[in-house]
PDB file of all heavy atoms in Angstrom:
ATOM      1  N   GLN A   1      29.011 -63.730  65.603  1.00  0.00           N
ATOM      2  CA  GLN A   1      29.843 -62.934  64.825  1.00  0.00           C
ATOM      3  C   GLN A   1      29.126 -61.979  63.898  1.00  0.00           C
ATOM      4  O   GLN A   1      29.493 -60.902  63.736  1.00  0.00           O
ATOM      5  CB  GLN A   1      30.744 -63.870  64.029  1.00  0.00           C
ATOM      6  CG  GLN A   1      31.931 -64.513  64.848  1.00  0.00           C
ATOM      7  CD  GLN A   1      32.848 -65.308  63.864  1.00  0.00           C
ATOM      8  OE1 GLN A   1      32.468 -65.758  62.909  1.00  0.00           O
ATOM      9  NE2 GLN A   1      34.083 -65.512  64.466  1.00  0.00           N
ATOM     10  N   ARG A   2      28.087 -62.501  63.231  1.00  0.00           N
ATOM     11  CA  ARG A   2      27.321 -61.676  62.256  1.00  0.00           C
ATOM     12  C   ARG A   2      26.710 -60.544  63.025  1.00  0.00           C
ATOM     13  O   ARG A   2      26.709 -59.396  62.512  1.00  0.00           O
ATOM     14  CB  ARG A   2      26.211 -62.435  61.677  1.00  0.00           C
ATOM     15  CG  ARG A   2      25.409 -61.776  60.527  1.00  0.00           C
ATOM     16  CD  ARG A   2      24.356 -62.604  60.049  1.00  0.00           C
ATOM     17  NE  ARG A   2      23.221 -62.749  60.980  1.00  0.00           N
ATOM     18  CZ  ARG A   2      22.377 -61.878  61.354  1.00  0.00           C
ATOM     19  NH1 ARG A   2      22.346 -60.628  60.800  1.00  0.00           N
ATOM     20  NH2 ARG A   2      21.458 -62.062  62.212  1.00  0.00           N
ATOM     21  N   LEU A   3      26.163 -60.744  64.250  1.00  0.00           N
ATOM     22  CA  LEU A   3      25.550 -59.722  65.017  1.00  0.00           C
ATOM     23  C   LEU A   3      26.536 -58.670  65.511  1.00  0.00           C
ATOM     24  O   LEU A   3      26.211 -57.511  65.508  1.00  0.00           O
ATOM     25  CB  LEU A   3      24.718 -60.297  66.261  1.00  0.00           C
ATOM     26  CG  LEU A   3      23.403 -61.054  65.870  1.00  0.00           C
ATOM     27  CD1 LEU A   3      22.916 -61.779  67.103  1.00  0.00           C
ATOM     28  CD2 LEU A   3      22.432 -60.192  65.260  1.00  0.00           C
ATOM     29  N   ARG A   4      27.755 -59.149  65.906  1.00  0.00           N
ATOM     30  CA  ARG A   4      28.795 -58.232  66.322  1.00  0.00           C
ATOM     31  C   ARG A   4      29.195 -57.278  65.112  1.00  0.00           C
ATOM     32  O   ARG A   4      29.455 -56.123  65.330  1.00  0.00           O
ATOM     33  CB  ARG A   4      30.011 -58.967  66.883  1.00  0.00           C
ATOM     34  CG  ARG A   4      29.796 -59.529  68.263  1.00  0.00           C
ATOM     35  CD  ARG A   4      31.038 -60.069  68.787  1.00  0.00           C
ATOM     36  NE  ARG A   4      30.729 -60.559  70.199  1.00  0.00           N
ATOM     37  CZ  ARG A   4      31.384 -61.599  70.772  1.00  0.00           C
ATOM     38  NH1 ARG A   4      32.293 -62.091  70.217  1.00  0.00           N
ATOM     39  NH2 ARG A   4      31.015 -61.942  72.019  1.00  0.00           N
ATOM     40  N   LYS A   5      29.356 -57.899  64.012  1.00  0.00           N
ATOM     41  CA  LYS A   5      29.776 -57.108  62.737  1.00  0.00           C
ATOM     42  C   LYS A   5      28.640 -56.119  62.474  1.00  0.00           C
ATOM     43  O   LYS A   5      28.971 -54.926  62.134  1.00  0.00           O
ATOM     44  CB  LYS A   5      30.011 -58.084  61.566  1.00  0.00           C
ATOM     45  CG  LYS A   5      30.466 -57.412  60.317  1.00  0.00           C
ATOM     46  CD  LYS A   5      30.741 -58.484  59.268  1.00  0.00           C
ATOM     47  CE  LYS A   5      31.233 -57.708  57.991  1.00  0.00           C
ATOM     48  NZ  LYS A   5      31.421 -58.670  56.886  1.00  0.00           N
ATOM     49  N   ARG A   6      27.428 -56.532  62.433  1.00  0.00           N
ATOM     50  CA  ARG A   6      26.297 -55.658  62.296  1.00  0.00           C
ATOM     51  C   ARG A   6      26.255 -54.534  63.358  1.00  0.00           C
ATOM     52  O   ARG A   6      25.969 -53.343  62.926  1.00  0.00           O
ATOM     53  CB  ARG A   6      25.009 -56.443  62.254  1.00  0.00           C
ATOM     54  CG  ARG A   6      23.794 -55.493  61.888  1.00  0.00           C
ATOM     55  CD  ARG A   6      23.719 -54.966  60.550  1.00  0.00           C
ATOM     56  NE  ARG A   6      22.535 -54.226  60.371  1.00  0.00           N
ATOM     57  CZ  ARG A   6      22.429 -53.206  59.645  1.00  0.00           C
ATOM     58  NH1 ARG A   6      23.402 -52.716  59.002  1.00  0.00           N
ATOM     59  NH2 ARG A   6      21.344 -52.525  59.478  1.00  0.00           N
ATOM     60  N   ASN A   7      26.489 -54.853  64.582  1.00  0.00           N
ATOM     61  CA  ASN A   7      26.522 -53.867  65.594  1.00  0.00           C
ATOM     62  C   ASN A   7      27.671 -52.880  65.338  1.00  0.00           C
ATOM     63  O   ASN A   7      27.453 -51.625  65.630  1.00  0.00           O
ATOM     64  CB  ASN A   7      26.765 -54.620  66.939  1.00  0.00           C
ATOM     65  CG  ASN A   7      26.575 -53.669  68.116  1.00  0.00           C
ATOM     66  OD1 ASN A   7      25.875 -52.610  68.047  1.00  0.00           O
ATOM     67  ND2 ASN A   7      27.133 -54.007  69.281  1.00  0.00           N
ATOM     68  N   GLN A   8      28.771 -53.332  64.921  1.00  0.00           N
ATOM     69  CA  GLN A   8      29.952 -52.418  64.647  1.00  0.00           C
ATOM     70  C   GLN A   8      29.486 -51.512  63.565  1.00  0.00           C
ATOM     71  O   GLN A   8      29.804 -50.258  63.555  1.00  0.00           O
ATOM     72  CB  GLN A   8      31.151 -53.302  64.224  1.00  0.00           C
ATOM     73  CG  GLN A   8      32.408 -52.381  63.914  1.00  0.00           C
ATOM     74  CD  GLN A   8      32.908 -51.654  65.213  1.00  0.00           C
ATOM     75  OE1 GLN A   8      32.778 -52.142  66.318  1.00  0.00           O
ATOM     76  NE2 GLN A   8      33.602 -50.546  64.977  1.00  0.00           N
ATOM     77  N   GLN A   9      28.897 -52.026  62.479  1.00  0.00           N
ATOM     78  CA  GLN A   9      28.533 -51.156  61.346  1.00  0.00           C
ATOM     79  C   GLN A   9      27.538 -50.124  61.827  1.00  0.00           C
ATOM     80  O   GLN A   9      27.646 -48.927  61.404  1.00  0.00           O
ATOM     81  CB  GLN A   9      27.903 -52.040  60.239  1.00  0.00           C
ATOM     82  CG  GLN A   9      28.866 -52.892  59.507  1.00  0.00           C
ATOM     83  CD  GLN A   9      28.117 -53.828  58.534  1.00  0.00           C
ATOM     84  OE1 GLN A   9      26.878 -53.989  58.689  1.00  0.00           O
ATOM     85  NE2 GLN A   9      28.886 -54.405  57.623  1.00  0.00           N
ATOM     86  N   LEU A  10      26.520 -50.513  62.682  1.00  0.00           N
ATOM     87  CA  LEU A  10      25.554 -49.576  63.094  1.00  0.00           C
ATOM     88  C   LEU A  10      26.203 -48.452  64.019  1.00  0.00           C
ATOM     89  O   LEU A  10      25.831 -47.273  63.976  1.00  0.00           O
ATOM     90  CB  LEU A  10      24.429 -50.290  63.777  1.00  0.00           C
ATOM     91  CG  LEU A  10      23.535 -51.169  62.998  1.00  0.00           C
ATOM     92  CD1 LEU A  10      22.546 -51.879  63.772  1.00  0.00           C
ATOM     93  CD2 LEU A  10      22.717 -50.256  61.963  1.00  0.00           C
ATOM     94  N   GLU A  11      27.136 -48.864  64.781  1.00  0.00           N
ATOM     95  CA  GLU A  11      27.848 -47.916  65.615  1.00  0.00           C
ATOM     96  C   GLU A  11      28.688 -46.825  64.805  1.00  0.00           C
ATOM     97  O   GLU A  11      28.580 -45.686  65.037  1.00  0.00           O
ATOM     98  CB  GLU A  11      28.766 -48.563  66.592  1.00  0.00           C
ATOM     99  CG  GLU A  11      28.015 -49.298  67.768  1.00  0.00           C
ATOM    100  CD  GLU A  11      29.061 -49.935  68.671  1.00  0.00           C
ATOM    101  OE1 GLU A  11      30.237 -50.064  68.405  1.00  0.00           O
ATOM    102  OE2 GLU A  11      28.569 -50.448  69.706  1.00  0.00           O
ATOM    103  N   GLU A  12      29.273 -47.370  63.750  1.00  0.00           N
ATOM    104  CA  GLU A  12      29.998 -46.473  62.894  1.00  0.00           C
ATOM    105  C   GLU A  12      29.042 -45.424  62.158  1.00  0.00           C
ATOM    106  O   GLU A  12      29.393 -44.380  61.948  1.00  0.00           O
ATOM    107  CB  GLU A  12      30.808 -47.151  61.794  1.00  0.00           C
ATOM    108  CG  GLU A  12      32.034 -47.943  62.485  1.00  0.00           C
ATOM    109  CD  GLU A  12      32.705 -48.883  61.464  1.00  0.00           C
ATOM    110  OE1 GLU A  12      32.333 -48.961  60.294  1.00  0.00           O
ATOM    111  OE2 GLU A  12      33.617 -49.569  61.896  1.00  0.00           O
ATOM    112  N   GLU A  13      27.958 -46.021  61.659  1.00  0.00           N
ATOM    113  CA  GLU A  13      26.948 -45.234  61.027  1.00  0.00           C
ATOM    114  C   GLU A  13      26.362 -44.138  61.988  1.00  0.00           C
ATOM    115  O   GLU A  13      26.128 -43.018  61.571  1.00  0.00           O
ATOM    116  CB  GLU A  13      25.803 -46.057  60.467  1.00  0.00           C
ATOM    117  CG  GLU A  13      24.776 -45.306  59.685  1.00  0.00           C
ATOM    118  CD  GLU A  13      23.610 -46.192  59.199  1.00  0.00           C
ATOM    119  OE1 GLU A  13      23.786 -47.509  59.221  1.00  0.00           O
ATOM    120  OE2 GLU A  13      22.613 -45.678  58.671  1.00  0.00           O
ATOM    121  N   ASN A  14      26.098 -44.592  63.180  1.00  0.00           N
ATOM    122  CA  ASN A  14      25.619 -43.648  64.241  1.00  0.00           C
ATOM    123  C   ASN A  14      26.555 -42.545  64.406  1.00  0.00           C
ATOM    124  O   ASN A  14      26.259 -41.414  64.583  1.00  0.00           O
ATOM    125  CB  ASN A  14      25.319 -44.481  65.492  1.00  0.00           C
ATOM    126  CG  ASN A  14      24.520 -43.635  66.480  1.00  0.00           C
ATOM    127  OD1 ASN A  14      23.911 -42.584  66.134  1.00  0.00           O
ATOM    128  ND2 ASN A  14      24.530 -44.113  67.779  1.00  0.00           N
ATOM    129  N   ASN A  15      27.817 -42.900  64.552  1.00  0.00           N
ATOM    130  CA  ASN A  15      28.918 -41.874  64.765  1.00  0.00           C
ATOM    131  C   ASN A  15      28.914 -40.882  63.628  1.00  0.00           C
ATOM    132  O   ASN A  15      29.058 -39.682  63.854  1.00  0.00           O
ATOM    133  CB  ASN A  15      30.238 -42.486  64.935  1.00  0.00           C
ATOM    134  CG  ASN A  15      30.298 -43.175  66.305  1.00  0.00           C
ATOM    135  OD1 ASN A  15      29.608 -42.854  67.291  1.00  0.00           O
ATOM    136  ND2 ASN A  15      31.283 -44.134  66.420  1.00  0.00           N
ATOM    137  N   LEU A  16      28.821 -41.380  62.393  1.00  0.00           N
ATOM    138  CA  LEU A  16      28.817 -40.490  61.220  1.00  0.00           C
ATOM    139  C   LEU A  16      27.656 -39.616  61.241  1.00  0.00           C
ATOM    140  O   LEU A  16      27.754 -38.384  60.943  1.00  0.00           O
ATOM    141  CB  LEU A  16      28.846 -41.417  59.927  1.00  0.00           C
ATOM    142  CG  LEU A  16      28.839 -40.587  58.585  1.00  0.00           C
ATOM    143  CD1 LEU A  16      30.109 -39.810  58.413  1.00  0.00           C
ATOM    144  CD2 LEU A  16      28.603 -41.551  57.499  1.00  0.00           C
ATOM    145  N   LEU A  17      26.495 -40.135  61.567  1.00  0.00           N
ATOM    146  CA  LEU A  17      25.253 -39.200  61.557  1.00  0.00           C
ATOM    147  C   LEU A  17      25.418 -38.172  62.727  1.00  0.00           C
ATOM    148  O   LEU A  17      24.953 -37.080  62.484  1.00  0.00           O
ATOM    149  CB  LEU A  17      24.043 -40.144  61.798  1.00  0.00           C
ATOM    150  CG  LEU A  17      23.740 -40.949  60.664  1.00  0.00           C
ATOM    151  CD1 LEU A  17      22.492 -41.982  60.984  1.00  0.00           C
ATOM    152  CD2 LEU A  17      23.317 -40.216  59.433  1.00  0.00           C
ATOM    153  N   ARG A  18      26.027 -38.524  63.819  1.00  0.00           N
ATOM    154  CA  ARG A  18      26.230 -37.515  64.905  1.00  0.00           C
ATOM    155  C   ARG A  18      27.092 -36.407  64.384  1.00  0.00           C
ATOM    156  O   ARG A  18      26.957 -35.212  64.611  1.00  0.00           O
ATOM    157  CB  ARG A  18      26.756 -38.195  66.116  1.00  0.00           C
ATOM    158  CG  ARG A  18      25.796 -39.000  66.844  1.00  0.00           C
ATOM    159  CD  ARG A  18      26.423 -39.640  68.137  1.00  0.00           C
ATOM    160  NE  ARG A  18      25.578 -40.674  68.660  1.00  0.00           N
ATOM    161  CZ  ARG A  18      25.205 -40.683  69.847  1.00  0.00           C
ATOM    162  NH1 ARG A  18      25.518 -39.789  70.735  1.00  0.00           N
ATOM    163  NH2 ARG A  18      24.467 -41.713  70.318  1.00  0.00           N
ATOM    164  N   LEU A  19      28.136 -36.887  63.654  1.00  0.00           N
ATOM    165  CA  LEU A  19      29.108 -35.797  63.117  1.00  0.00           C
ATOM    166  C   LEU A  19      28.387 -34.909  62.166  1.00  0.00           C
ATOM    167  O   LEU A  19      28.587 -33.682  62.130  1.00  0.00           O
ATOM    168  CB  LEU A  19      30.320 -36.488  62.493  1.00  0.00           C
ATOM    169  CG  LEU A  19      31.317 -35.624  61.895  1.00  0.00           C
ATOM    170  CD1 LEU A  19      32.026 -34.850  62.882  1.00  0.00           C
ATOM    171  CD2 LEU A  19      32.341 -36.550  61.144  1.00  0.00           C
ATOM    172  N   LYS A  20      27.559 -35.510  61.294  1.00  0.00           N
ATOM    173  CA  LYS A  20      26.865 -34.698  60.324  1.00  0.00           C
ATOM    174  C   LYS A  20      25.856 -33.715  60.978  1.00  0.00           C
ATOM    175  O   LYS A  20      25.742 -32.573  60.519  1.00  0.00           O
ATOM    176  CB  LYS A  20      26.047 -35.638  59.318  1.00  0.00           C
ATOM    177  CG  LYS A  20      26.840 -36.314  58.328  1.00  0.00           C
ATOM    178  CD  LYS A  20      26.060 -37.160  57.361  1.00  0.00           C
ATOM    179  CE  LYS A  20      26.878 -37.810  56.326  1.00  0.00           C
ATOM    180  NZ  LYS A  20      26.115 -38.625  55.353  1.00  0.00           N
ATOM    181  N   ILE A  21      25.169 -34.140  62.026  1.00  0.00           N
ATOM    182  CA  ILE A  21      24.292 -33.270  62.816  1.00  0.00           C
ATOM    183  C   ILE A  21      25.135 -32.127  63.316  1.00  0.00           C
ATOM    184  O   ILE A  21      24.642 -31.028  63.338  1.00  0.00           O
ATOM    185  CB  ILE A  21      23.539 -34.110  63.902  1.00  0.00           C
ATOM    186  CG1 ILE A  21      22.452 -34.997  63.222  1.00  0.00           C
ATOM    187  CG2 ILE A  21      22.851 -33.195  64.895  1.00  0.00           C
ATOM    188  CD1 ILE A  21      21.817 -35.891  64.216  1.00  0.00           C
ATOM    189  N   ASP A  22      26.248 -32.382  64.006  1.00  0.00           N
ATOM    190  CA  ASP A  22      27.079 -31.348  64.566  1.00  0.00           C
ATOM    191  C   ASP A  22      27.462 -30.315  63.443  1.00  0.00           C
ATOM    192  O   ASP A  22      27.389 -29.087  63.706  1.00  0.00           O
ATOM    193  CB  ASP A  22      28.317 -31.956  65.173  1.00  0.00           C
ATOM    194  CG  ASP A  22      28.047 -32.611  66.522  1.00  0.00           C
ATOM    195  OD1 ASP A  22      26.999 -32.324  67.165  1.00  0.00           O
ATOM    196  OD2 ASP A  22      28.925 -33.408  66.898  1.00  0.00           O
ATOM    197  N   ILE A  23      27.836 -30.875  62.377  1.00  0.00           N
ATOM    198  CA  ILE A  23      28.241 -29.901  61.233  1.00  0.00           C
ATOM    199  C   ILE A  23      26.978 -29.056  60.791  1.00  0.00           C
ATOM    200  O   ILE A  23      27.169 -27.776  60.528  1.00  0.00           O
ATOM    201  CB  ILE A  23      28.804 -30.694  60.001  1.00  0.00           C
ATOM    202  CG1 ILE A  23      30.200 -31.283  60.389  1.00  0.00           C
ATOM    203  CG2 ILE A  23      28.969 -29.838  58.814  1.00  0.00           C
ATOM    204  CD1 ILE A  23      30.778 -32.247  59.395  1.00  0.00           C
ATOM    205  N   LEU A  24      25.831 -29.692  60.610  1.00  0.00           N
ATOM    206  CA  LEU A  24      24.707 -28.924  60.216  1.00  0.00           C
ATOM    207  C   LEU A  24      24.216 -27.904  61.331  1.00  0.00           C
ATOM    208  O   LEU A  24      23.838 -26.767  60.955  1.00  0.00           O
ATOM    209  CB  LEU A  24      23.516 -29.835  59.934  1.00  0.00           C
ATOM    210  CG  LEU A  24      23.600 -30.707  58.727  1.00  0.00           C
ATOM    211  CD1 LEU A  24      22.431 -31.795  58.557  1.00  0.00           C
ATOM    212  CD2 LEU A  24      23.579 -29.833  57.475  1.00  0.00           C
ATOM    213  N   LEU A  25      24.417 -28.204  62.500  1.00  0.00           N
ATOM    214  CA  LEU A  25      24.067 -27.392  63.600  1.00  0.00           C
ATOM    215  C   LEU A  25      25.113 -26.101  63.568  1.00  0.00           C
ATOM    216  O   LEU A  25      24.685 -24.937  63.767  1.00  0.00           O
ATOM    217  CB  LEU A  25      24.107 -27.986  65.022  1.00  0.00           C
ATOM    218  CG  LEU A  25      22.886 -28.855  65.303  1.00  0.00           C
ATOM    219  CD1 LEU A  25      23.064 -29.617  66.620  1.00  0.00           C
ATOM    220  CD2 LEU A  25      21.661 -28.026  65.342  1.00  0.00           C
TER     221      LEU A  25
END
């Protein structure tokens, strides 16, 4: 459960960073 929660957090952070990269480009 802890690993799944951490995985979910990392996926959300990854999506946010991809969005920021798109905006910067």
